[in-house]
């Protein structure tokens, strides 16, 4: 494997899979409508990015779209995490 394939293909695929896993975990833990909406957006954008990256590794014309989508998914995952912390109250912490 070339170093370019690892940097521009395999690492973003791994990051996308971690985002999907983290989003599903937070959705199961949170169980509110904001979590479901953000999880749906993260699953869609990261899933599409992974499919495009696999095609690029297979020989398709390269583009930066999957990397942009994975970055947007990371921001959405951060928003999902922050909304989870915002819903905690004193009664929930006991």
Foldseek 3Di string as FASTA:
>chain_A
DDPCCCVVAVVLLVLLVVLLVLLVVLCVVQVDPLSVVLSVLSCVLSVVLNVVSVVVVVPDDDDCSSVVSSVVSVVSSVVSVVVSVVPDDPVNVD
